[in-house]
Amino acid sequence: MKLKKGFYTHQAGNAQVMVGVAGTGFSGIFRSNETAAFIVDQLKNETTEDEIVKAILAEYDATEDQARRDVRMVLGKLREISALEE
């Protein structure tokens, strides 16, 4: 899976914002905290849920359960706005 073409991110202070251009079906702003931004950045290249969890564990002091919950939550929100190519 990966982020669909037409979704672009920008770092704004401690937050990341993502917008979709015309044709994506999403008209709004998706704001991410540091962890969600890390997950979105992982999705800029083809990856899997397990690979994202491993990347979080390598980067942050988190348990695998916490990391997996965070990944699933962010993936769920991205699916809601049709931002994932699966």
PDB file of N, CA and C in Angstrom:
ATOM      1  N   MET A   1       0.847  -1.179   0.000  1.00  0.00           N
ATOM      2  CA  MET A   1       0.000   0.000   0.000  1.00  0.00           C
ATOM      3  C   MET A   1       0.883   1.229   0.000  1.00  0.00           C
ATOM      4  N   LYS A   2       0.325   2.321  -0.481  1.00  0.00           N
ATOM      5  CA  LYS A   2       1.039   3.595  -0.455  1.00  0.00           C
ATOM      6  C   LYS A   2       0.043   4.742  -0.592  1.00  0.00           C
ATOM      7  N   LEU A   3       0.541   5.927  -0.330  1.00  0.00           N
ATOM      8  CA  LEU A   3      -0.274   7.131  -0.473  1.00  0.00           C
ATOM      9  C   LEU A   3      -0.595   7.329  -1.947  1.00  0.00           C
ATOM     10  N   LYS A   4      -1.851   7.636  -2.252  1.00  0.00           N
ATOM     11  CA  LYS A   4      -2.258   7.849  -3.642  1.00  0.00           C
ATOM     12  C   LYS A   4      -1.608   9.108  -4.207  1.00  0.00           C
ATOM     13  N   LYS A   5      -1.397   9.077  -5.517  1.00  0.00           N
ATOM     14  CA  LYS A   5      -0.912  10.276  -6.197  1.00  0.00           C
ATOM     15  C   LYS A   5      -1.950  11.370  -6.027  1.00  0.00           C
ATOM     16  N   GLY A   6      -1.472  12.581  -5.904  1.00  0.00           N
ATOM     17  CA  GLY A   6      -2.375  13.712  -5.745  1.00  0.00           C
ATOM     18  C   GLY A   6      -2.536  14.148  -4.301  1.00  0.00           C
ATOM     19  N   PHE A   7      -1.960  13.392  -3.366  1.00  0.00           N
ATOM     20  CA  PHE A   7      -1.972  13.789  -1.962  1.00  0.00           C
ATOM     21  C   PHE A   7      -0.583  14.279  -1.605  1.00  0.00           C
ATOM     22  N   TYR A   8      -0.509  15.506  -1.132  1.00  0.00           N
ATOM     23  CA  TYR A   8       0.771  16.135  -0.848  1.00  0.00           C
ATOM     24  C   TYR A   8       0.838  16.571   0.604  1.00  0.00           C
ATOM     25  N   THR A   9       2.038  16.448   1.186  1.00  0.00           N
ATOM     26  CA  THR A   9       2.236  16.811   2.581  1.00  0.00           C
ATOM     27  C   THR A   9       3.163  18.004   2.697  1.00  0.00           C
ATOM     28  N   HIS A  10       2.996  18.703   3.809  1.00  0.00           N
ATOM     29  CA  HIS A  10       3.848  19.851   4.122  1.00  0.00           C
ATOM     30  C   HIS A  10       4.018  19.897   5.631  1.00  0.00           C
ATOM     31  N   GLN A  11       5.254  20.064   6.072  1.00  0.00           N
ATOM     32  CA  GLN A  11       5.530  20.197   7.494  1.00  0.00           C
ATOM     33  C   GLN A  11       5.248  21.625   7.917  1.00  0.00           C
ATOM     34  N   ALA A  12       4.397  21.798   8.926  1.00  0.00           N
ATOM     35  CA  ALA A  12       4.040  23.125   9.435  1.00  0.00           C
ATOM     36  C   ALA A  12       4.282  23.145  10.936  1.00  0.00           C
ATOM     37  N   GLY A  13       5.485  23.536  11.332  1.00  0.00           N
ATOM     38  CA  GLY A  13       5.833  23.511  12.746  1.00  0.00           C
ATOM     39  C   GLY A  13       5.942  22.074  13.225  1.00  0.00           C
ATOM     40  N   ASN A  14       5.230  21.749  14.302  1.00  0.00           N
ATOM     41  CA  ASN A  14       5.249  20.395  14.848  1.00  0.00           C
ATOM     42  C   ASN A  14       4.221  19.481  14.199  1.00  0.00           C
ATOM     43  N   ALA A  15       3.466  19.990  13.267  1.00  0.00           N
ATOM     44  CA  ALA A  15       2.410  19.199  12.632  1.00  0.00           C
ATOM     45  C   ALA A  15       2.693  19.073  11.138  1.00  0.00           C
ATOM     46  N   GLN A  16       2.077  18.085  10.570  1.00  0.00           N
ATOM     47  CA  GLN A  16       2.150  17.890   9.124  1.00  0.00           C
ATOM     48  C   GLN A  16       0.735  18.064   8.589  1.00  0.00           C
ATOM     49  N   VAL A  17       0.603  18.728   7.458  1.00  0.00           N
ATOM     50  CA  VAL A  17      -0.697  18.846   6.818  1.00  0.00           C
ATOM     51  C   VAL A  17      -0.633  18.149   5.472  1.00  0.00           C
ATOM     52  N   MET A  18      -1.750  17.540   5.102  1.00  0.00           N
ATOM     53  CA  MET A  18      -1.841  16.862   3.820  1.00  0.00           C
ATOM     54  C   MET A  18      -3.081  17.376   3.113  1.00  0.00           C
ATOM     55  N   VAL A  19      -2.926  17.640   1.841  1.00  0.00           N
ATOM     56  CA  VAL A  19      -4.047  18.083   1.016  1.00  0.00           C
ATOM     57  C   VAL A  19      -4.119  17.193  -0.219  1.00  0.00           C
ATOM     58  N   GLY A  20      -5.296  17.115  -0.763  1.00  0.00           N
ATOM     59  CA  GLY A  20      -5.491  16.395  -2.018  1.00  0.00           C
ATOM     60  C   GLY A  20      -5.799  17.376  -3.122  1.00  0.00           C
ATOM     61  N   VAL A  21      -5.183  17.186  -4.268  1.00  0.00           N
ATOM     62  CA  VAL A  21      -5.451  18.066  -5.410  1.00  0.00           C
ATOM     63  C   VAL A  21      -6.683  17.567  -6.154  1.00  0.00           C
ATOM     64  N   ALA A  22      -7.110  18.328  -7.137  1.00  0.00           N
ATOM     65  CA  ALA A  22      -8.296  17.973  -7.923  1.00  0.00           C
ATOM     66  C   ALA A  22      -8.187  16.550  -8.449  1.00  0.00           C
ATOM     67  N   GLY A  23      -9.282  15.847  -8.388  1.00  0.00           N
ATOM     68  CA  GLY A  23      -9.322  14.482  -8.881  1.00  0.00           C
ATOM     69  C   GLY A  23      -9.131  13.424  -7.815  1.00  0.00           C
ATOM     70  N   THR A  24      -8.751  13.840  -6.603  1.00  0.00           N
ATOM     71  CA  THR A  24      -8.557  12.857  -5.532  1.00  0.00           C
ATOM     72  C   THR A  24      -9.864  12.557  -4.806  1.00  0.00           C
ATOM     73  N   GLY A  25     -10.840  13.450  -4.939  1.00  0.00           N
ATOM     74  CA  GLY A  25     -12.091  13.262  -4.234  1.00  0.00           C
ATOM     75  C   GLY A  25     -12.051  13.759  -2.801  1.00  0.00           C
ATOM     76  N   PHE A  26     -10.928  14.323  -2.385  1.00  0.00           N
ATOM     77  CA  PHE A  26     -10.788  14.838  -1.021  1.00  0.00           C
ATOM     78  C   PHE A  26     -10.564  16.332  -1.097  1.00  0.00           C
ATOM     79  N   SER A  27     -11.432  17.075  -0.448  1.00  0.00           N
ATOM     80  CA  SER A  27     -11.261  18.525  -0.403  1.00  0.00           C
ATOM     81  C   SER A  27     -11.234  18.940   1.060  1.00  0.00           C
ATOM     82  N   GLY A  28     -10.057  19.070   1.555  1.00  0.00           N
ATOM     83  CA  GLY A  28      -9.879  19.438   2.946  1.00  0.00           C
ATOM     84  C   GLY A  28      -8.413  19.347   3.313  1.00  0.00           C
ATOM     85  N   ILE A  29      -8.175  19.420   4.615  1.00  0.00           N
ATOM     86  CA  ILE A  29      -6.816  19.316   5.137  1.00  0.00           C
ATOM     87  C   ILE A  29      -6.795  18.191   6.152  1.00  0.00           C
ATOM     88  N   PHE A  30      -5.817  17.320   6.032  1.00  0.00           N
ATOM     89  CA  PHE A  30      -5.609  16.223   6.975  1.00  0.00           C
ATOM     90  C   PHE A  30      -4.395  16.616   7.809  1.00  0.00           C
ATOM     91  N   ARG A  31      -4.612  16.867   9.103  1.00  0.00           N
ATOM     92  CA  ARG A  31      -3.517  17.271   9.987  1.00  0.00           C
ATOM     93  C   ARG A  31      -3.019  16.073  10.763  1.00  0.00           C
ATOM     94  N   SER A  32      -1.700  15.981  10.882  1.00  0.00           N
ATOM     95  CA  SER A  32      -1.081  14.853  11.561  1.00  0.00           C
ATOM     96  C   SER A  32      -0.168  15.325  12.674  1.00  0.00           C
ATOM     97  N   ASN A  33      -0.227  14.616  13.807  1.00  0.00           N
ATOM     98  CA  ASN A  33       0.763  14.848  14.846  1.00  0.00           C
ATOM     99  C   ASN A  33       2.057  14.158  14.419  1.00  0.00           C
ATOM    100  N   GLU A  34       3.065  14.158  15.265  1.00  0.00           N
ATOM    101  CA  GLU A  34       4.372  13.615  14.883  1.00  0.00           C
ATOM    102  C   GLU A  34       4.305  12.142  14.481  1.00  0.00           C
ATOM    103  N   THR A  35       3.593  11.340  15.254  1.00  0.00           N
ATOM    104  CA  THR A  35       3.507   9.910  14.950  1.00  0.00           C
ATOM    105  C   THR A  35       2.734   9.662  13.663  1.00  0.00           C
ATOM    106  N   ALA A  36       1.609  10.325  13.504  1.00  0.00           N
ATOM    107  CA  ALA A  36       0.813  10.157  12.281  1.00  0.00           C
ATOM    108  C   ALA A  36       1.599  10.639  11.070  1.00  0.00           C
ATOM    109  N   ALA A  37       2.351  11.724  11.217  1.00  0.00           N
ATOM    110  CA  ALA A  37       3.168  12.226  10.118  1.00  0.00           C
ATOM    111  C   ALA A  37       4.231  11.201   9.735  1.00  0.00           C
ATOM    112  N   PHE A  38       4.811  10.542  10.726  1.00  0.00           N
ATOM    113  CA  PHE A  38       5.806   9.500  10.458  1.00  0.00           C
ATOM    114  C   PHE A  38       5.174   8.375   9.647  1.00  0.00           C
ATOM    115  N   ILE A  39       3.960   7.998  10.020  1.00  0.00           N
ATOM    116  CA  ILE A  39       3.251   6.934   9.302  1.00  0.00           C
ATOM    117  C   ILE A  39       2.946   7.370   7.870  1.00  0.00           C
ATOM    118  N   VAL A  40       2.456   8.582   7.703  1.00  0.00           N
ATOM    119  CA  VAL A  40       2.158   9.101   6.363  1.00  0.00           C
ATOM    120  C   VAL A  40       3.435   9.126   5.527  1.00  0.00           C
ATOM    121  N   ASP A  41       4.541   9.536   6.120  1.00  0.00           N
ATOM    122  CA  ASP A  41       5.803   9.568   5.378  1.00  0.00           C
ATOM    123  C   ASP A  41       6.224   8.169   4.935  1.00  0.00           C
ATOM    124  N   GLN A  42       5.967   7.161   5.754  1.00  0.00           N
ATOM    125  CA  GLN A  42       6.277   5.782   5.369  1.00  0.00           C
ATOM    126  C   GLN A  42       5.473   5.370   4.141  1.00  0.00           C
ATOM    127  N   LEU A  43       4.282   5.934   4.016  1.00  0.00           N
ATOM    128  CA  LEU A  43       3.382   5.578   2.921  1.00  0.00           C
ATOM    129  C   LEU A  43       3.717   6.282   1.611  1.00  0.00           C
ATOM    130  N   LYS A  44       4.740   7.084   1.594  1.00  0.00           N
ATOM    131  CA  LYS A  44       5.154   7.733   0.350  1.00  0.00           C
ATOM    132  C   LYS A  44       5.828   6.725  -0.580  1.00  0.00           C
ATOM    133  N   ASN A  45       6.198   5.586  -0.029  1.00  0.00           N
ATOM    134  CA  ASN A  45       6.743   4.473  -0.802  1.00  0.00           C
ATOM    135  C   ASN A  45       5.910   3.242  -0.499  1.00  0.00           C
ATOM    136  N   GLU A  46       5.899   2.294  -1.402  1.00  0.00           N
ATOM    137  CA  GLU A  46       5.150   1.048  -1.202  1.00  0.00           C
ATOM    138  C   GLU A  46       5.612   0.387   0.104  1.00  0.00           C
ATOM    139  N   THR A  47       4.664   0.003   0.951  1.00  0.00           N
ATOM    140  CA  THR A  47       4.982  -0.594   2.245  1.00  0.00           C
ATOM    141  C   THR A  47       3.818  -1.442   2.725  1.00  0.00           C
ATOM    142  N   THR A  48       3.989  -2.063   3.870  1.00  0.00           N
ATOM    143  CA  THR A  48       2.928  -2.848   4.489  1.00  0.00           C
ATOM    144  C   THR A  48       2.710  -2.345   5.908  1.00  0.00           C
ATOM    145  N   GLU A  49       1.602  -2.766   6.492  1.00  0.00           N
ATOM    146  CA  GLU A  49       1.329  -2.396   7.884  1.00  0.00           C
ATOM    147  C   GLU A  49       2.450  -2.885   8.792  1.00  0.00           C
ATOM    148  N   ASP A  50       2.902  -4.115   8.598  1.00  0.00           N
ATOM    149  CA  ASP A  50       3.968  -4.665   9.433  1.00  0.00           C
ATOM    150  C   ASP A  50       5.270  -3.884   9.292  1.00  0.00           C
ATOM    151  N   GLU A  51       5.587  -3.456   8.080  1.00  0.00           N
ATOM    152  CA  GLU A  51       6.809  -2.672   7.875  1.00  0.00           C
ATOM    153  C   GLU A  51       6.717  -1.314   8.563  1.00  0.00           C
ATOM    154  N   ILE A  52       5.549  -0.708   8.558  1.00  0.00           N
ATOM    155  CA  ILE A  52       5.366   0.579   9.239  1.00  0.00           C
ATOM    156  C   ILE A  52       5.516   0.394  10.744  1.00  0.00           C
ATOM    157  N   VAL A  53       4.933  -0.674  11.277  1.00  0.00           N
ATOM    158  CA  VAL A  53       5.064  -0.952  12.714  1.00  0.00           C
ATOM    159  C   VAL A  53       6.537  -1.112  13.074  1.00  0.00           C
ATOM    160  N   LYS A  54       7.286  -1.865  12.286  1.00  0.00           N
ATOM    161  CA  LYS A  54       8.719  -2.057  12.544  1.00  0.00           C
ATOM    162  C   LYS A  54       9.472  -0.735  12.504  1.00  0.00           C
ATOM    163  N   ALA A  55       9.118   0.130  11.566  1.00  0.00           N
ATOM    164  CA  ALA A  55       9.767   1.437  11.462  1.00  0.00           C
ATOM    165  C   ALA A  55       9.481   2.291  12.696  1.00  0.00           C
ATOM    166  N   ILE A  56       8.253   2.237  13.186  1.00  0.00           N
ATOM    167  CA  ILE A  56       7.904   2.989  14.398  1.00  0.00           C
ATOM    168  C   ILE A  56       8.699   2.471  15.585  1.00  0.00           C
ATOM    169  N   LEU A  57       8.793   1.163  15.719  1.00  0.00           N
ATOM    170  CA  LEU A  57       9.533   0.573  16.834  1.00  0.00           C
ATOM    171  C   LEU A  57      11.012   0.950  16.790  1.00  0.00           C
ATOM    172  N   ALA A  58      11.564   1.104  15.587  1.00  0.00           N
ATOM    173  CA  ALA A  58      12.959   1.504  15.442  1.00  0.00           C
ATOM    174  C   ALA A  58      13.172   2.985  15.759  1.00  0.00           C
ATOM    175  N   GLU A  59      12.131   3.794  15.547  1.00  0.00           N
ATOM    176  CA  GLU A  59      12.245   5.248  15.700  1.00  0.00           C
ATOM    177  C   GLU A  59      11.803   5.753  17.079  1.00  0.00           C
ATOM    178  N   TYR A  60      10.789   5.120  17.656  1.00  0.00           N
ATOM    179  CA  TYR A  60      10.179   5.607  18.895  1.00  0.00           C
ATOM    180  C   TYR A  60      10.242   4.562  20.004  1.00  0.00           C
ATOM    181  N   ASP A  61      10.123   5.039  21.210  1.00  0.00           N
ATOM    182  CA  ASP A  61      10.041   4.163  22.378  1.00  0.00           C
ATOM    183  C   ASP A  61       8.574   3.800  22.580  1.00  0.00           C
ATOM    184  N   ALA A  62       8.155   2.712  21.942  1.00  0.00           N
ATOM    185  CA  ALA A  62       6.752   2.288  21.996  1.00  0.00           C
ATOM    186  C   ALA A  62       6.706   0.764  22.019  1.00  0.00           C
ATOM    187  N   THR A  63       5.609   0.244  22.537  1.00  0.00           N
ATOM    188  CA  THR A  63       5.426  -1.202  22.475  1.00  0.00           C
ATOM    189  C   THR A  63       4.851  -1.551  21.106  1.00  0.00           C
ATOM    190  N   GLU A  64       4.956  -2.817  20.742  1.00  0.00           N
ATOM    191  CA  GLU A  64       4.410  -3.231  19.456  1.00  0.00           C
ATOM    192  C   GLU A  64       2.896  -3.027  19.415  1.00  0.00           C
ATOM    193  N   ASP A  65       2.215  -3.277  20.539  1.00  0.00           N
ATOM    194  CA  ASP A  65       0.758  -3.064  20.592  1.00  0.00           C
ATOM    195  C   ASP A  65       0.401  -1.600  20.360  1.00  0.00           C
ATOM    196  N   GLN A  66       1.140  -0.689  21.002  1.00  0.00           N
ATOM    197  CA  GLN A  66       0.879   0.741  20.811  1.00  0.00           C
ATOM    198  C   GLN A  66       1.122   1.148  19.366  1.00  0.00           C
ATOM    199  N   ALA A  67       2.233   0.686  18.819  1.00  0.00           N
ATOM    200  CA  ALA A  67       2.579   1.035  17.447  1.00  0.00           C
ATOM    201  C   ALA A  67       1.519   0.516  16.479  1.00  0.00           C
ATOM    202  N   ARG A  68       1.095  -0.719  16.661  1.00  0.00           N
ATOM    203  CA  ARG A  68       0.105  -1.310  15.758  1.00  0.00           C
ATOM    204  C   ARG A  68      -1.229  -0.561  15.857  1.00  0.00           C
ATOM    205  N   ARG A  69      -1.642  -0.185  17.072  1.00  0.00           N
ATOM    206  CA  ARG A  69      -2.887   0.587  17.247  1.00  0.00           C
ATOM    207  C   ARG A  69      -2.796   1.920  16.515  1.00  0.00           C
ATOM    208  N   ASP A  70      -1.659   2.603  16.675  1.00  0.00           N
ATOM    209  CA  ASP A  70      -1.477   3.899  16.014  1.00  0.00           C
ATOM    210  C   ASP A  70      -1.518   3.743  14.494  1.00  0.00           C
ATOM    211  N   VAL A  71      -0.819   2.728  13.979  1.00  0.00           N
ATOM    212  CA  VAL A  71      -0.793   2.511  12.536  1.00  0.00           C
ATOM    213  C   VAL A  71      -2.198   2.221  12.024  1.00  0.00           C
ATOM    214  N   ARG A  72      -2.921   1.355  12.703  1.00  0.00           N
ATOM    215  CA  ARG A  72      -4.273   1.010  12.250  1.00  0.00           C
ATOM    216  C   ARG A  72      -5.206   2.203  12.304  1.00  0.00           C
ATOM    217  N   MET A  73      -5.054   3.052  13.327  1.00  0.00           N
ATOM    218  CA  MET A  73      -5.899   4.237  13.439  1.00  0.00           C
ATOM    219  C   MET A  73      -5.634   5.192  12.266  1.00  0.00           C
ATOM    220  N   VAL A  74      -4.359   5.461  11.988  1.00  0.00           N
ATOM    221  CA  VAL A  74      -4.018   6.379  10.900  1.00  0.00           C
ATOM    222  C   VAL A  74      -4.430   5.792   9.555  1.00  0.00           C
ATOM    223  N   LEU A  75      -4.164   4.507   9.342  1.00  0.00           N
ATOM    224  CA  LEU A  75      -4.574   3.876   8.087  1.00  0.00           C
ATOM    225  C   LEU A  75      -6.090   3.951   7.909  1.00  0.00           C
ATOM    226  N   GLY A  76      -6.821   3.762   8.993  1.00  0.00           N
ATOM    227  CA  GLY A  76      -8.282   3.862   8.925  1.00  0.00           C
ATOM    228  C   GLY A  76      -8.737   5.242   8.497  1.00  0.00           C
ATOM    229  N   LYS A  77      -8.103   6.277   9.051  1.00  0.00           N
ATOM    230  CA  LYS A  77      -8.475   7.647   8.682  1.00  0.00           C
ATOM    231  C   LYS A  77      -8.099   7.948   7.234  1.00  0.00           C
ATOM    232  N   LEU A  78      -6.959   7.428   6.804  1.00  0.00           N
ATOM    233  CA  LEU A  78      -6.559   7.640   5.415  1.00  0.00           C
ATOM    234  C   LEU A  78      -7.495   6.907   4.451  1.00  0.00           C
ATOM    235  N   ARG A  79      -7.965   5.748   4.870  1.00  0.00           N
ATOM    236  CA  ARG A  79      -8.937   5.024   4.040  1.00  0.00           C
ATOM    237  C   ARG A  79     -10.243   5.800   3.931  1.00  0.00           C
ATOM    238  N   GLU A  80     -10.650   6.448   5.019  1.00  0.00           N
ATOM    239  CA  GLU A  80     -11.891   7.227   5.016  1.00  0.00           C
ATOM    240  C   GLU A  80     -11.861   8.341   3.976  1.00  0.00           C
ATOM    241  N   ILE A  81     -10.690   8.898   3.730  1.00  0.00           N
ATOM    242  CA  ILE A  81     -10.597   9.982   2.750  1.00  0.00           C
ATOM    243  C   ILE A  81     -10.044   9.475   1.407  1.00  0.00           C
ATOM    244  N   SER A  82      -9.999   8.164   1.265  1.00  0.00           N
ATOM    245  CA  SER A  82      -9.536   7.531   0.025  1.00  0.00           C
ATOM    246  C   SER A  82      -8.144   7.962  -0.385  1.00  0.00           C
ATOM    247  N   ALA A  83      -7.242   8.045   0.596  1.00  0.00           N
ATOM    248  CA  ALA A  83      -5.874   8.492   0.328  1.00  0.00           C
ATOM    249  C   ALA A  83      -4.902   7.334   0.125  1.00  0.00           C
ATOM    250  N   LEU A  84      -5.375   6.095   0.274  1.00  0.00           N
ATOM    251  CA  LEU A  84      -4.478   4.946   0.135  1.00  0.00           C
ATOM    252  C   LEU A  84      -4.693   4.204  -1.156  1.00  0.00           C
ATOM    253  N   GLU A  85      -3.599   3.798  -1.732  1.00  0.00           N
ATOM    254  CA  GLU A  85      -3.606   2.907  -2.893  1.00  0.00           C
ATOM    255  C   GLU A  85      -3.246   1.512  -2.358  1.00  0.00           C
ATOM    256  N   GLU A  86      -4.199   0.599  -2.407  1.00  0.00           N
ATOM    257  CA  GLU A  86      -3.946  -0.727  -1.815  1.00  0.00           C
ATOM    258  C   GLU A  86      -4.007  -1.822  -2.836  1.00  0.00           C
TER     259      GLU A  86
END
